[in-house]
C-alpha atoms as a PDB file:
ATOM      1  CA  MET A   1    -136.739 -38.789  20.265  1.00  0.00           C
ATOM      2  CA  ILE A   2    -136.082 -34.670  19.638  1.00  0.00           C
ATOM      3  CA  VAL A   3    -135.322 -32.942  22.875  1.00  0.00           C
ATOM      4  CA  THR A   4    -134.265 -29.418  23.690  1.00  0.00           C
ATOM      5  CA  ALA A   5    -131.676 -28.033  25.958  1.00  0.00           C
ATOM      6  CA  TRP A   6    -132.891 -26.670  29.344  1.00  0.00           C
ATOM      7  CA  SER A   7    -131.890 -23.881  31.676  1.00  0.00           C
ATOM      8  CA  ASN A   8    -133.042 -22.522  34.998  1.00  0.00           C
ATOM      9  CA  GLY A   9    -132.007 -18.966  33.808  1.00  0.00           C
ATOM     10  CA  ARG A  10    -128.951 -19.427  36.352  1.00  0.00           C
ATOM     11  CA  VAL A  11    -126.627 -22.470  36.132  1.00  0.00           C
ATOM     12  CA  GLY A  12    -128.691 -25.785  36.131  1.00  0.00           C
ATOM     13  CA  TYR A  13    -129.284 -27.316  32.900  1.00  0.00           C
ATOM     14  CA  GLY A  14    -130.826 -30.551  31.561  1.00  0.00           C
ATOM     15  CA  ILE A  15    -132.962 -31.792  28.467  1.00  0.00           C
ATOM     16  CA  LYS A  16    -136.665 -31.134  27.982  1.00  0.00           C
ATOM     17  CA  ILE A  17    -138.693 -34.086  26.733  1.00  0.00           C
ATOM     18  CA  LYS A  18    -141.788 -33.898  24.675  1.00  0.00           C
ATOM     19  CA  LYS A  19    -144.941 -34.841  26.509  1.00  0.00           C
ATOM     20  CA  LYS A  20    -145.512 -37.713  23.991  1.00  0.00           C
ATOM     21  CA  ASP A  21    -141.813 -38.988  24.000  1.00  0.00           C
ATOM     22  CA  ARG A  22    -141.774 -39.191  27.845  1.00  0.00           C
ATOM     23  CA  ASP A  23    -145.120 -41.379  27.834  1.00  0.00           C
ATOM     24  CA  ARG A  24    -143.721 -43.486  25.280  1.00  0.00           C
ATOM     25  CA  PHE A  25    -140.279 -43.804  25.952  1.00  0.00           C
ATOM     26  CA  PHE A  26    -139.957 -43.892  29.983  1.00  0.00           C
ATOM     27  CA  LYS A  27    -141.969 -45.559  32.617  1.00  0.00           C
ATOM     28  CA  ARG A  28    -143.499 -44.081  35.783  1.00  0.00           C
ATOM     29  CA  SER A  29    -142.228 -47.585  37.676  1.00  0.00           C
ATOM     30  CA  TRP A  30    -138.763 -46.372  36.682  1.00  0.00           C
ATOM     31  CA  LYS A  31    -136.584 -44.566  39.603  1.00  0.00           C
ATOM     32  CA  SER A  32    -134.035 -43.417  36.950  1.00  0.00           C
ATOM     33  CA  VAL A  33    -132.348 -43.749  33.619  1.00  0.00           C
ATOM     34  CA  ILE A  34    -129.116 -43.521  32.378  1.00  0.00           C
ATOM     35  CA  LEU A  35    -127.617 -40.764  29.772  1.00  0.00           C
ATOM     36  CA  GLN A  36    -124.517 -41.924  27.746  1.00  0.00           C
ATOM     37  CA  PHE A  37    -122.829 -38.691  26.808  1.00  0.00           C
ATOM     38  CA  GLU A  38    -121.344 -38.866  22.813  1.00  0.00           C
ATOM     39  CA  ASN A  39    -117.541 -39.189  22.809  1.00  0.00           C
ATOM     40  CA  SER A  40    -117.187 -39.063  26.627  1.00  0.00           C
ATOM     41  CA  PRO A  41    -116.739 -41.694  29.021  1.00  0.00           C
ATOM     42  CA  ASN A  42    -119.250 -40.120  31.622  1.00  0.00           C
ATOM     43  CA  GLN A  43    -122.777 -40.523  32.023  1.00  0.00           C
ATOM     44  CA  ALA A  44    -125.427 -39.389  34.234  1.00  0.00           C
ATOM     45  CA  LYS A  45    -127.807 -41.154  36.018  1.00  0.00           C
ATOM     46  CA  VAL A  46    -131.039 -38.946  36.051  1.00  0.00           C
ATOM     47  CA  ASN A  47    -133.879 -38.997  38.650  1.00  0.00           C
ATOM     48  CA  VAL A  48    -137.295 -39.355  36.991  1.00  0.00           C
ATOM     49  CA  ALA A  49    -139.128 -40.285  39.857  1.00  0.00           C
ATOM     50  CA  LYS A  50    -140.472 -36.835  40.692  1.00  0.00           C
ATOM     51  CA  LYS A  51    -143.705 -35.371  40.138  1.00  0.00           C
ATOM     52  CA  SER A  52    -142.318 -32.618  38.279  1.00  0.00           C
ATOM     53  CA  PHE A  53    -141.146 -35.018  35.439  1.00  0.00           C
ATOM     54  CA  TRP A  54    -144.636 -36.302  35.035  1.00  0.00           C
ATOM     55  CA  ASN A  55    -147.001 -32.911  35.141  1.00  0.00           C
ATOM     56  CA  LEU A  56    -147.902 -31.341  32.377  1.00  0.00           C
ATOM     57  CA  GLU A  57    -145.253 -28.787  31.912  1.00  0.00           C
ATOM     58  CA  CYS A  58    -141.577 -29.992  33.151  1.00  0.00           C
ATOM     59  CA  ARG A  59    -140.458 -32.894  31.728  1.00  0.00           C
ATOM     60  CA  GLU A  60    -136.800 -32.402  32.313  1.00  0.00           C
ATOM     61  CA  LEU A  61    -133.730 -34.329  32.623  1.00  0.00           C
ATOM     62  CA  ILE A  62    -131.758 -31.985  35.294  1.00  0.00           C
ATOM     63  CA  LYS A  63    -128.309 -33.147  36.665  1.00  0.00           C
ATOM     64  CA  LYS A  64    -125.358 -31.274  36.561  1.00  0.00           C
ATOM     65  CA  GLU A  65    -123.272 -33.606  34.531  1.00  0.00           C
ATOM     66  CA  ILE A  66    -125.820 -32.886  31.963  1.00  0.00           C
ATOM     67  CA  GLY A  67    -125.352 -29.499  32.062  1.00  0.00           C
ATOM     68  CA  ASP A  68    -121.039 -29.687  32.284  1.00  0.00           C
ATOM     69  CA  TRP A  69    -121.551 -31.968  28.737  1.00  0.00           C
ATOM     70  CA  LEU A  70    -123.442 -29.203  27.253  1.00  0.00           C
ATOM     71  CA  GLN A  71    -121.149 -26.577  28.313  1.00  0.00           C
ATOM     72  CA  ASN A  72    -117.852 -28.392  27.403  1.00  0.00           C
ATOM     73  CA  ASN A  73    -119.145 -29.120  24.276  1.00  0.00           C
ATOM     74  CA  GLY A  74    -120.682 -25.802  23.078  1.00  0.00           C
ATOM     75  CA  LEU A  75    -123.971 -26.964  22.742  1.00  0.00           C
ATOM     76  CA  VAL A  76    -126.222 -24.700  24.982  1.00  0.00           C
ATOM     77  CA  ALA A  77    -126.942 -22.557  22.534  1.00  0.00           C
ATOM     78  CA  GLN A  78    -127.776 -24.796  19.651  1.00  0.00           C
ATOM     79  CA  TRP A  79    -129.805 -27.099  21.863  1.00  0.00           C
ATOM     80  CA  LEU A  80    -132.011 -24.171  23.392  1.00  0.00           C
ATOM     81  CA  SER A  81    -132.582 -22.862  19.941  1.00  0.00           C
ATOM     82  CA  ALA A  82    -132.909 -26.436  18.088  1.00  0.00           C
ATOM     83  CA  GLY A  83    -133.913 -29.506  18.886  1.00  0.00           C
ATOM     84  CA  ILE A  84    -131.451 -32.565  18.640  1.00  0.00           C
ATOM     85  CA  MET A  85    -131.597 -36.541  18.413  1.00  0.00           C
ATOM     86  CA  VAL A  86    -131.718 -38.540  21.437  1.00  0.00           C
ATOM     87  CA  GLY A  87    -131.854 -42.106  20.963  1.00  0.00           C
ATOM     88  CA  ALA A  88    -133.030 -45.427  23.620  1.00  0.00           C
ATOM     89  CA  PHE A  89    -130.421 -48.086  23.341  1.00  0.00           C
ATOM     90  CA  ARG A  90    -131.797 -50.006  25.933  1.00  0.00           C
ATOM     91  CA  GLN A  91    -134.592 -49.732  28.213  1.00  0.00           C
ATOM     92  CA  GLN A  92    -133.824 -46.757  30.802  1.00  0.00           C
ATOM     93  CA  SER A  93    -130.755 -45.864  28.831  1.00  0.00           C
ATOM     94  CA  PHE A  94    -130.114 -42.968  26.501  1.00  0.00           C
ATOM     95  CA  HIS A  95    -127.640 -41.619  23.771  1.00  0.00           C
ATOM     96  CA  ALA A  96    -126.831 -38.014  23.380  1.00  0.00           C
ATOM     97  CA  PRO A  97    -124.964 -37.095  20.803  1.00  0.00           C
ATOM     98  CA  GLN A  98    -122.909 -33.886  20.036  1.00  0.00           C
ATOM     99  CA  THR A  99    -124.227 -32.753  16.572  1.00  0.00           C
ATOM    100  CA  ASN A 100    -127.447 -31.566  15.582  1.00  0.00           C
ATOM    101  CA  ALA A 101    -129.474 -34.690  13.955  1.00  0.00           C
ATOM    102  CA  LYS A 102    -132.627 -33.070  13.536  1.00  0.00           C
END
């Protein structure tokens, strides 16, 4: 699935999921998903059991660790302007690469 970076305009960052990808790869019964970052031992457990993730406009995965990883790897500008491929590698787990694989 191809996602883009999301920012609240201040210090909050996350990744935005397209509606069709959210409906295909995520389940409403899930409370959270795990996002594994490339070249990092870190991962983020992200809440998906919130109304905003399932509405028509929002669909963002938001977590401090996502913003830290985007900023530490100089990916904020790249991801805000262009999508990047994020792969599902097992149920409720997703892999975020450092380079644009679009």
